[in-house]
Amino acid sequence: MENKKYSSYAEIERDLEILKLEKEISYQKMVLSIDKTKESILPSKSATLIGNIYQKVFSGTYGTILKMLIPYVFNWYLNRKRGD
């Protein structure tokens, strides 16, 4: 990098302002990149909606019965004879 020779304080101030703006642009790009990464990692609204529906279905008495019944149905399906 070559040392720049300035002839006035105005030139120095202008270059400092340019560097400050470049720094701010780089910072904003980094923040935007982080936000996009968060959006790609976090579940979408549809996944959240499915989770809420799951909690409502499997809560209470009906949910308790389903929770007890599902393993039996699953085992029956795995252990059934192929010819049936």
PDB file of N, CA and C in Angstrom:
ATOM      1  N   MET A   1       0.844  -1.171   0.000  1.00  0.00           N
ATOM      2  CA  MET A   1       0.000   0.000   0.000  1.00  0.00           C
ATOM      3  C   MET A   1       0.891   1.236   0.000  1.00  0.00           C
ATOM      4  N   GLU A   2       0.557   2.134  -0.845  1.00  0.00           N
ATOM      5  CA  GLU A   2       1.367   3.332  -1.017  1.00  0.00           C
ATOM      6  C   GLU A   2       0.872   4.440  -0.083  1.00  0.00           C
ATOM      7  N   ASN A   3       1.795   5.131   0.540  1.00  0.00           N
ATOM      8  CA  ASN A   3       1.431   6.263   1.382  1.00  0.00           C
ATOM      9  C   ASN A   3       0.971   7.417   0.511  1.00  0.00           C
ATOM     10  N   LYS A   4      -0.150   7.980   0.893  1.00  0.00           N
ATOM     11  CA  LYS A   4      -0.717   9.085   0.128  1.00  0.00           C
ATOM     12  C   LYS A   4      -0.276  10.394   0.773  1.00  0.00           C
ATOM     13  N   LYS A   5       0.089  11.339  -0.055  1.00  0.00           N
ATOM     14  CA  LYS A   5       0.489  12.648   0.457  1.00  0.00           C
ATOM     15  C   LYS A   5      -0.668  13.615   0.281  1.00  0.00           C
ATOM     16  N   TYR A   6      -1.016  14.232   1.390  1.00  0.00           N
ATOM     17  CA  TYR A   6      -2.143  15.167   1.390  1.00  0.00           C
ATOM     18  C   TYR A   6      -1.605  16.589   1.370  1.00  0.00           C
ATOM     19  N   SER A   7      -2.368  17.448   0.680  1.00  0.00           N
ATOM     20  CA  SER A   7      -1.961  18.846   0.622  1.00  0.00           C
ATOM     21  C   SER A   7      -2.834  19.735   1.505  1.00  0.00           C
ATOM     22  N   SER A   8      -3.958  19.134   2.020  1.00  0.00           N
ATOM     23  CA  SER A   8      -4.819  19.923   2.905  1.00  0.00           C
ATOM     24  C   SER A   8      -5.565  18.995   3.864  1.00  0.00           C
ATOM     25  N   TYR A   9      -6.080  19.620   4.892  1.00  0.00           N
ATOM     26  CA  TYR A   9      -6.877  18.863   5.859  1.00  0.00           C
ATOM     27  C   TYR A   9      -8.196  18.415   5.245  1.00  0.00           C
ATOM     28  N   ALA A  10      -8.702  19.132   4.285  1.00  0.00           N
ATOM     29  CA  ALA A  10      -9.960  18.774   3.623  1.00  0.00           C
ATOM     30  C   ALA A  10      -9.827  17.428   2.915  1.00  0.00           C
ATOM     31  N   GLU A  11      -8.702  17.163   2.296  1.00  0.00           N
ATOM     32  CA  GLU A  11      -8.471  15.872   1.637  1.00  0.00           C
ATOM     33  C   GLU A  11      -8.435  14.738   2.655  1.00  0.00           C
ATOM     34  N   ILE A  12      -7.798  15.004   3.780  1.00  0.00           N
ATOM     35  CA  ILE A  12      -7.735  14.001   4.847  1.00  0.00           C
ATOM     36  C   ILE A  12      -9.137  13.703   5.367  1.00  0.00           C
ATOM     37  N   GLU A  13      -9.918  14.746   5.608  1.00  0.00           N
ATOM     38  CA  GLU A  13     -11.279  14.581   6.112  1.00  0.00           C
ATOM     39  C   GLU A  13     -12.144  13.822   5.105  1.00  0.00           C
ATOM     40  N   ARG A  14     -11.991  14.110   3.825  1.00  0.00           N
ATOM     41  CA  ARG A  14     -12.758  13.426   2.793  1.00  0.00           C
ATOM     42  C   ARG A  14     -12.421  11.928   2.781  1.00  0.00           C
ATOM     43  N   ASP A  15     -11.143  11.589   2.823  1.00  0.00           N
ATOM     44  CA  ASP A  15     -10.747  10.183   2.838  1.00  0.00           C
ATOM     45  C   ASP A  15     -11.221   9.474   4.111  1.00  0.00           C
ATOM     46  N   LEU A  16     -11.177  10.167   5.229  1.00  0.00           N
ATOM     47  CA  LEU A  16     -11.686   9.580   6.476  1.00  0.00           C
ATOM     48  C   LEU A  16     -13.190   9.324   6.391  1.00  0.00           C
ATOM     49  N   GLU A  17     -13.914  10.238   5.776  1.00  0.00           N
ATOM     50  CA  GLU A  17     -15.360  10.060   5.606  1.00  0.00           C
ATOM     51  C   GLU A  17     -15.641   8.871   4.686  1.00  0.00           C
ATOM     52  N   ILE A  18     -14.866   8.728   3.623  1.00  0.00           N
ATOM     53  CA  ILE A  18     -15.032   7.593   2.710  1.00  0.00           C
ATOM     54  C   ILE A  18     -14.766   6.280   3.448  1.00  0.00           C
ATOM     55  N   LEU A  19     -13.701   6.225   4.239  1.00  0.00           N
ATOM     56  CA  LEU A  19     -13.387   5.017   5.008  1.00  0.00           C
ATOM     57  C   LEU A  19     -14.488   4.695   6.025  1.00  0.00           C
ATOM     58  N   LYS A  20     -15.029   5.743   6.643  1.00  0.00           N
ATOM     59  CA  LYS A  20     -16.115   5.546   7.602  1.00  0.00           C
ATOM     60  C   LYS A  20     -17.345   4.957   6.915  1.00  0.00           C
ATOM     61  N   LEU A  21     -17.687   5.457   5.736  1.00  0.00           N
ATOM     62  CA  LEU A  21     -18.835   4.941   5.002  1.00  0.00           C
ATOM     63  C   LEU A  21     -18.596   3.503   4.520  1.00  0.00           C
ATOM     64  N   GLU A  22     -17.386   3.215   4.073  1.00  0.00           N
ATOM     65  CA  GLU A  22     -17.063   1.850   3.658  1.00  0.00           C
ATOM     66  C   GLU A  22     -17.174   0.882   4.839  1.00  0.00           C
ATOM     67  N   LYS A  23     -16.756   1.341   5.997  1.00  0.00           N
ATOM     68  CA  LYS A  23     -16.855   0.511   7.201  1.00  0.00           C
ATOM     69  C   LYS A  23     -18.321   0.247   7.540  1.00  0.00           C
ATOM     70  N   GLU A  24     -19.161   1.272   7.445  1.00  0.00           N
ATOM     71  CA  GLU A  24     -20.586   1.126   7.745  1.00  0.00           C
ATOM     72  C   GLU A  24     -21.260   0.188   6.740  1.00  0.00           C
ATOM     73  N   ILE A  25     -20.896   0.289   5.471  1.00  0.00           N
ATOM     74  CA  ILE A  25     -21.450  -0.599   4.443  1.00  0.00           C
ATOM     75  C   ILE A  25     -21.069  -2.050   4.741  1.00  0.00           C
ATOM     76  N   SER A  26     -19.823  -2.285   5.088  1.00  0.00           N
ATOM     77  CA  SER A  26     -19.373  -3.642   5.415  1.00  0.00           C
ATOM     78  C   SER A  26     -20.114  -4.189   6.630  1.00  0.00           C
ATOM     79  N   TYR A  27     -20.324  -3.342   7.624  1.00  0.00           N
ATOM     80  CA  TYR A  27     -21.045  -3.750   8.822  1.00  0.00           C
ATOM     81  C   TYR A  27     -22.486  -4.137   8.479  1.00  0.00           C
ATOM     82  N   GLN A  28     -23.159  -3.317   7.661  1.00  0.00           N
ATOM     83  CA  GLN A  28     -24.545  -3.597   7.293  1.00  0.00           C
ATOM     84  C   GLN A  28     -24.646  -4.876   6.463  1.00  0.00           C
ATOM     85  N   LYS A  29     -23.663  -5.126   5.592  1.00  0.00           N
ATOM     86  CA  LYS A  29     -23.643  -6.375   4.826  1.00  0.00           C
ATOM     87  C   LYS A  29     -23.529  -7.568   5.762  1.00  0.00           C
ATOM     88  N   MET A  30     -22.690  -7.451   6.791  1.00  0.00           N
ATOM     89  CA  MET A  30     -22.520  -8.528   7.750  1.00  0.00           C
ATOM     90  C   MET A  30     -23.819  -8.770   8.515  1.00  0.00           C
ATOM     91  N   VAL A  31     -24.485  -7.706   8.951  1.00  0.00           N
ATOM     92  CA  VAL A  31     -25.745  -7.835   9.684  1.00  0.00           C
ATOM     93  C   VAL A  31     -26.800  -8.508   8.805  1.00  0.00           C
ATOM     94  N   LEU A  32     -26.882  -8.102   7.544  1.00  0.00           N
ATOM     95  CA  LEU A  32     -27.838  -8.701   6.623  1.00  0.00           C
ATOM     96  C   LEU A  32     -27.543 -10.184   6.418  1.00  0.00           C
ATOM     97  N   SER A  33     -26.278 -10.523   6.299  1.00  0.00           N
ATOM     98  CA  SER A  33     -25.888 -11.924   6.131  1.00  0.00           C
ATOM     99  C   SER A  33     -26.287 -12.745   7.352  1.00  0.00           C
ATOM    100  N   ILE A  34     -26.099 -12.209   8.531  1.00  0.00           N
ATOM    101  CA  ILE A  34     -26.477 -12.903   9.766  1.00  0.00           C
ATOM    102  C   ILE A  34     -27.986 -13.091   9.817  1.00  0.00           C
ATOM    103  N   ASP A  35     -28.749 -12.064   9.444  1.00  0.00           N
ATOM    104  CA  ASP A  35     -30.207 -12.174   9.445  1.00  0.00           C
ATOM    105  C   ASP A  35     -30.686 -13.239   8.462  1.00  0.00           C
ATOM    106  N   LYS A  36     -30.089 -13.290   7.280  1.00  0.00           N
ATOM    107  CA  LYS A  36     -30.474 -14.311   6.303  1.00  0.00           C
ATOM    108  C   LYS A  36     -30.147 -15.703   6.816  1.00  0.00           C
ATOM    109  N   THR A  37     -29.020 -15.840   7.505  1.00  0.00           N
ATOM    110  CA  THR A  37     -28.645 -17.132   8.070  1.00  0.00           C
ATOM    111  C   THR A  37     -29.639 -17.551   9.142  1.00  0.00           C
ATOM    112  N   LYS A  38     -30.044 -16.622   9.990  1.00  0.00           N
ATOM    113  CA  LYS A  38     -31.036 -16.923  11.026  1.00  0.00           C
ATOM    114  C   LYS A  38     -32.344 -17.389  10.403  1.00  0.00           C
ATOM    115  N   GLU A  39     -32.788 -16.697   9.335  1.00  0.00           N
ATOM    116  CA  GLU A  39     -34.041 -17.060   8.680  1.00  0.00           C
ATOM    117  C   GLU A  39     -33.970 -18.460   8.086  1.00  0.00           C
ATOM    118  N   SER A  40     -32.810 -18.826   7.564  1.00  0.00           N
ATOM    119  CA  SER A  40     -32.696 -20.148   6.955  1.00  0.00           C
ATOM    120  C   SER A  40     -32.622 -21.247   8.006  1.00  0.00           C
ATOM    121  N   ILE A  41     -32.164 -20.928   9.199  1.00  0.00           N
ATOM    122  CA  ILE A  41     -32.035 -21.935  10.261  1.00  0.00           C
ATOM    123  C   ILE A  41     -33.331 -22.099  11.043  1.00  0.00           C
ATOM    124  N   LEU A  42     -33.995 -21.005  11.352  1.00  0.00           N
ATOM    125  CA  LEU A  42     -35.199 -21.057  12.173  1.00  0.00           C
ATOM    126  C   LEU A  42     -36.356 -21.670  11.398  1.00  0.00           C
ATOM    127  N   PRO A  43     -37.253 -22.377  12.090  1.00  0.00           N
ATOM    128  CA  PRO A  43     -38.388 -22.980  11.391  1.00  0.00           C
ATOM    129  C   PRO A  43     -39.319 -21.916  10.830  1.00  0.00           C
ATOM    130  N   SER A  44     -39.957 -22.265   9.758  1.00  0.00           N
ATOM    131  CA  SER A  44     -40.871 -21.321   9.134  1.00  0.00           C
ATOM    132  C   SER A  44     -42.176 -21.250   9.908  1.00  0.00           C
ATOM    133  N   LYS A  45     -43.041 -20.357   9.492  1.00  0.00           N
ATOM    134  CA  LYS A  45     -44.323 -20.203  10.168  1.00  0.00           C
ATOM    135  C   LYS A  45     -45.182 -21.454  10.021  1.00  0.00           C
ATOM    136  N   SER A  46     -45.069 -22.134   8.889  1.00  0.00           N
ATOM    137  CA  SER A  46     -45.864 -23.348   8.699  1.00  0.00           C
ATOM    138  C   SER A  46     -45.422 -24.445   9.663  1.00  0.00           C
ATOM    139  N   ALA A  47     -44.125 -24.549   9.902  1.00  0.00           N
ATOM    140  CA  ALA A  47     -43.641 -25.542  10.860  1.00  0.00           C
ATOM    141  C   ALA A  47     -44.117 -25.198  12.266  1.00  0.00           C
ATOM    142  N   THR A  48     -44.141 -23.934  12.593  1.00  0.00           N
ATOM    143  CA  THR A  48     -44.632 -23.497  13.894  1.00  0.00           C
ATOM    144  C   THR A  48     -46.117 -23.813  14.027  1.00  0.00           C
ATOM    145  N   LEU A  49     -46.883 -23.587  12.945  1.00  0.00           N
ATOM    146  CA  LEU A  49     -48.310 -23.888  12.953  1.00  0.00           C
ATOM    147  C   LEU A  49     -48.548 -25.378  13.154  1.00  0.00           C
ATOM    148  N   ILE A  50     -47.776 -26.214  12.477  1.00  0.00           N
ATOM    149  CA  ILE A  50     -47.908 -27.663  12.638  1.00  0.00           C
ATOM    150  C   ILE A  50     -47.589 -28.063  14.079  1.00  0.00           C
ATOM    151  N   GLY A  51     -46.567 -27.443  14.662  1.00  0.00           N
ATOM    152  CA  GLY A  51     -46.232 -27.719  16.059  1.00  0.00           C
ATOM    153  C   GLY A  51     -47.353 -27.343  17.003  1.00  0.00           C
ATOM    154  N   ASN A  52     -47.992 -26.209  16.748  1.00  0.00           N
ATOM    155  CA  ASN A  52     -49.116 -25.788  17.596  1.00  0.00           C
ATOM    156  C   ASN A  52     -50.292 -26.753  17.469  1.00  0.00           C
ATOM    157  N   ILE A  53     -50.584 -27.195  16.250  1.00  0.00           N
ATOM    158  CA  ILE A  53     -51.673 -28.150  16.044  1.00  0.00           C
ATOM    159  C   ILE A  53     -51.351 -29.464  16.758  1.00  0.00           C
ATOM    160  N   TYR A  54     -50.087 -29.922  16.645  1.00  0.00           N
ATOM    161  CA  TYR A  54     -49.661 -31.156  17.312  1.00  0.00           C
ATOM    162  C   TYR A  54     -49.879 -31.046  18.821  1.00  0.00           C
ATOM    163  N   GLN A  55     -49.506 -29.915  19.408  1.00  0.00           N
ATOM    164  CA  GLN A  55     -49.684 -29.745  20.855  1.00  0.00           C
ATOM    165  C   GLN A  55     -51.156 -29.778  21.239  1.00  0.00           C
ATOM    166  N   LYS A  56     -52.009 -29.169  20.423  1.00  0.00           N
ATOM    167  CA  LYS A  56     -53.438 -29.150  20.744  1.00  0.00           C
ATOM    168  C   LYS A  56     -54.049 -30.543  20.626  1.00  0.00           C
ATOM    169  N   VAL A  57     -53.643 -31.310  19.602  1.00  0.00           N
ATOM    170  CA  VAL A  57     -54.205 -32.643  19.393  1.00  0.00           C
ATOM    171  C   VAL A  57     -53.759 -33.595  20.499  1.00  0.00           C
ATOM    172  N   PHE A  58     -52.492 -33.523  20.893  1.00  0.00           N
ATOM    173  CA  PHE A  58     -51.960 -34.478  21.856  1.00  0.00           C
ATOM    174  C   PHE A  58     -52.024 -33.989  23.300  1.00  0.00           C
ATOM    175  N   SER A  59     -52.804 -32.977  23.562  1.00  0.00           N
ATOM    176  CA  SER A  59     -52.982 -32.554  24.953  1.00  0.00           C
ATOM    177  C   SER A  59     -54.371 -33.010  25.425  1.00  0.00           C
ATOM    178  N   GLY A  60     -54.530 -33.152  26.702  1.00  0.00           N
ATOM    179  CA  GLY A  60     -55.814 -33.558  27.255  1.00  0.00           C
ATOM    180  C   GLY A  60     -56.027 -35.059  27.191  1.00  0.00           C
ATOM    181  N   THR A  61     -57.262 -35.489  27.449  1.00  0.00           N
ATOM    182  CA  THR A  61     -57.614 -36.906  27.507  1.00  0.00           C
ATOM    183  C   THR A  61     -57.458 -37.574  26.144  1.00  0.00           C
ATOM    184  N   TYR A  62     -57.946 -36.934  25.111  1.00  0.00           N
ATOM    185  CA  TYR A  62     -57.849 -37.488  23.761  1.00  0.00           C
ATOM    186  C   TYR A  62     -56.389 -37.706  23.376  1.00  0.00           C
ATOM    187  N   GLY A  63     -55.544 -36.785  23.709  1.00  0.00           N
ATOM    188  CA  GLY A  63     -54.119 -36.898  23.413  1.00  0.00           C
ATOM    189  C   GLY A  63     -53.465 -38.031  24.175  1.00  0.00           C
ATOM    190  N   THR A  64     -53.866 -38.219  25.422  1.00  0.00           N
ATOM    191  CA  THR A  64     -53.321 -39.302  26.239  1.00  0.00           C
ATOM    192  C   THR A  64     -53.677 -40.651  25.636  1.00  0.00           C
ATOM    193  N   ILE A  65     -54.920 -40.789  25.185  1.00  0.00           N
ATOM    194  CA  ILE A  65     -55.354 -42.045  24.558  1.00  0.00           C
ATOM    195  C   ILE A  65     -54.563 -42.284  23.276  1.00  0.00           C
ATOM    196  N   LEU A  66     -54.385 -41.253  22.477  1.00  0.00           N
ATOM    197  CA  LEU A  66     -53.614 -41.383  21.239  1.00  0.00           C
ATOM    198  C   LEU A  66     -52.167 -41.772  21.523  1.00  0.00           C
ATOM    199  N   LYS A  67     -51.574 -41.164  22.530  1.00  0.00           N
ATOM    200  CA  LYS A  67     -50.190 -41.475  22.880  1.00  0.00           C
ATOM    201  C   LYS A  67     -50.031 -42.929  23.312  1.00  0.00           C
ATOM    202  N   MET A  68     -51.050 -43.479  23.978  1.00  0.00           N
ATOM    203  CA  MET A  68     -50.985 -44.875  24.402  1.00  0.00           C
ATOM    204  C   MET A  68     -51.280 -45.806  23.234  1.00  0.00           C
ATOM    205  N   LEU A  69     -52.121 -45.406  22.317  1.00  0.00           N
ATOM    206  CA  LEU A  69     -52.555 -46.253  21.214  1.00  0.00           C
ATOM    207  C   LEU A  69     -51.525 -46.333  20.086  1.00  0.00           C
ATOM    208  N   ILE A  70     -50.801 -45.278  19.830  1.00  0.00           N
ATOM    209  CA  ILE A  70     -49.860 -45.231  18.708  1.00  0.00           C
ATOM    210  C   ILE A  70     -48.788 -46.322  18.783  1.00  0.00           C
ATOM    211  N   PRO A  71     -48.144 -46.568  19.923  1.00  0.00           N
ATOM    212  CA  PRO A  71     -47.137 -47.645  19.948  1.00  0.00           C
ATOM    213  C   PRO A  71     -47.725 -49.024  19.639  1.00  0.00           C
ATOM    214  N   TYR A  72     -48.944 -49.302  20.088  1.00  0.00           N
ATOM    215  CA  TYR A  72     -49.577 -50.584  19.801  1.00  0.00           C
ATOM    216  C   TYR A  72     -49.859 -50.727  18.307  1.00  0.00           C
ATOM    217  N   VAL A  73     -50.358 -49.692  17.695  1.00  0.00           N
ATOM    218  CA  VAL A  73     -50.631 -49.718  16.261  1.00  0.00           C
ATOM    219  C   VAL A  73     -49.327 -49.876  15.482  1.00  0.00           C
ATOM    220  N   PHE A  74     -48.307 -49.183  15.891  1.00  0.00           N
ATOM    221  CA  PHE A  74     -47.010 -49.267  15.222  1.00  0.00           C
ATOM    222  C   PHE A  74     -46.434 -50.674  15.323  1.00  0.00           C
ATOM    223  N   ASN A  75     -46.466 -51.263  16.521  1.00  0.00           N
ATOM    224  CA  ASN A  75     -45.976 -52.636  16.702  1.00  0.00           C
ATOM    225  C   ASN A  75     -46.803 -53.633  15.905  1.00  0.00           C
ATOM    226  N   TRP A  76     -48.134 -53.475  15.887  1.00  0.00           N
ATOM    227  CA  TRP A  76     -48.977 -54.356  15.093  1.00  0.00           C
ATOM    228  C   TRP A  76     -48.589 -54.294  13.625  1.00  0.00           C
ATOM    229  N   TYR A  77     -48.355 -53.088  13.127  1.00  0.00           N
ATOM    230  CA  TYR A  77     -47.998 -52.914  11.720  1.00  0.00           C
ATOM    231  C   TYR A  77     -46.659 -53.584  11.411  1.00  0.00           C
ATOM    232  N   LEU A  78     -45.690 -53.448  12.300  1.00  0.00           N
ATOM    233  CA  LEU A  78     -44.378 -54.058  12.071  1.00  0.00           C
ATOM    234  C   LEU A  78     -44.415 -55.580  12.189  1.00  0.00           C
ATOM    235  N   ASN A  79     -45.250 -56.111  13.067  1.00  0.00           N
ATOM    236  CA  ASN A  79     -45.267 -57.541  13.343  1.00  0.00           C
ATOM    237  C   ASN A  79     -46.323 -58.309  12.555  1.00  0.00           C
ATOM    238  N   ARG A  80     -47.119 -57.668  11.739  1.00  0.00           N
ATOM    239  CA  ARG A  80     -48.166 -58.380  11.004  1.00  0.00           C
ATOM    240  C   ARG A  80     -47.542 -59.285   9.952  1.00  0.00           C
ATOM    241  N   LYS A  81     -48.267 -60.278   9.587  1.00  0.00           N
ATOM    242  CA  LYS A  81     -47.773 -61.219   8.581  1.00  0.00           C
ATOM    243  C   LYS A  81     -47.901 -60.591   7.208  1.00  0.00           C
ATOM    244  N   ARG A  82     -46.993 -60.914   6.338  1.00  0.00           N
ATOM    245  CA  ARG A  82     -46.980 -60.339   4.986  1.00  0.00           C
ATOM    246  C   ARG A  82     -48.151 -60.837   4.139  1.00  0.00           C
ATOM    247  N   GLY A  83     -48.665 -61.991   4.423  1.00  0.00           N
ATOM    248  CA  GLY A  83     -49.747 -62.559   3.615  1.00  0.00           C
ATOM    249  C   GLY A  83     -51.114 -61.984   3.938  1.00  0.00           C
ATOM    250  N   ASP A  84     -51.276 -61.294   5.049  1.00  0.00           N
ATOM    251  CA  ASP A  84     -52.596 -60.781   5.457  1.00  0.00           C
ATOM    252  C   ASP A  84     -53.044 -59.610   4.642  1.00  0.00           C
TER     253      ASP A  84
END
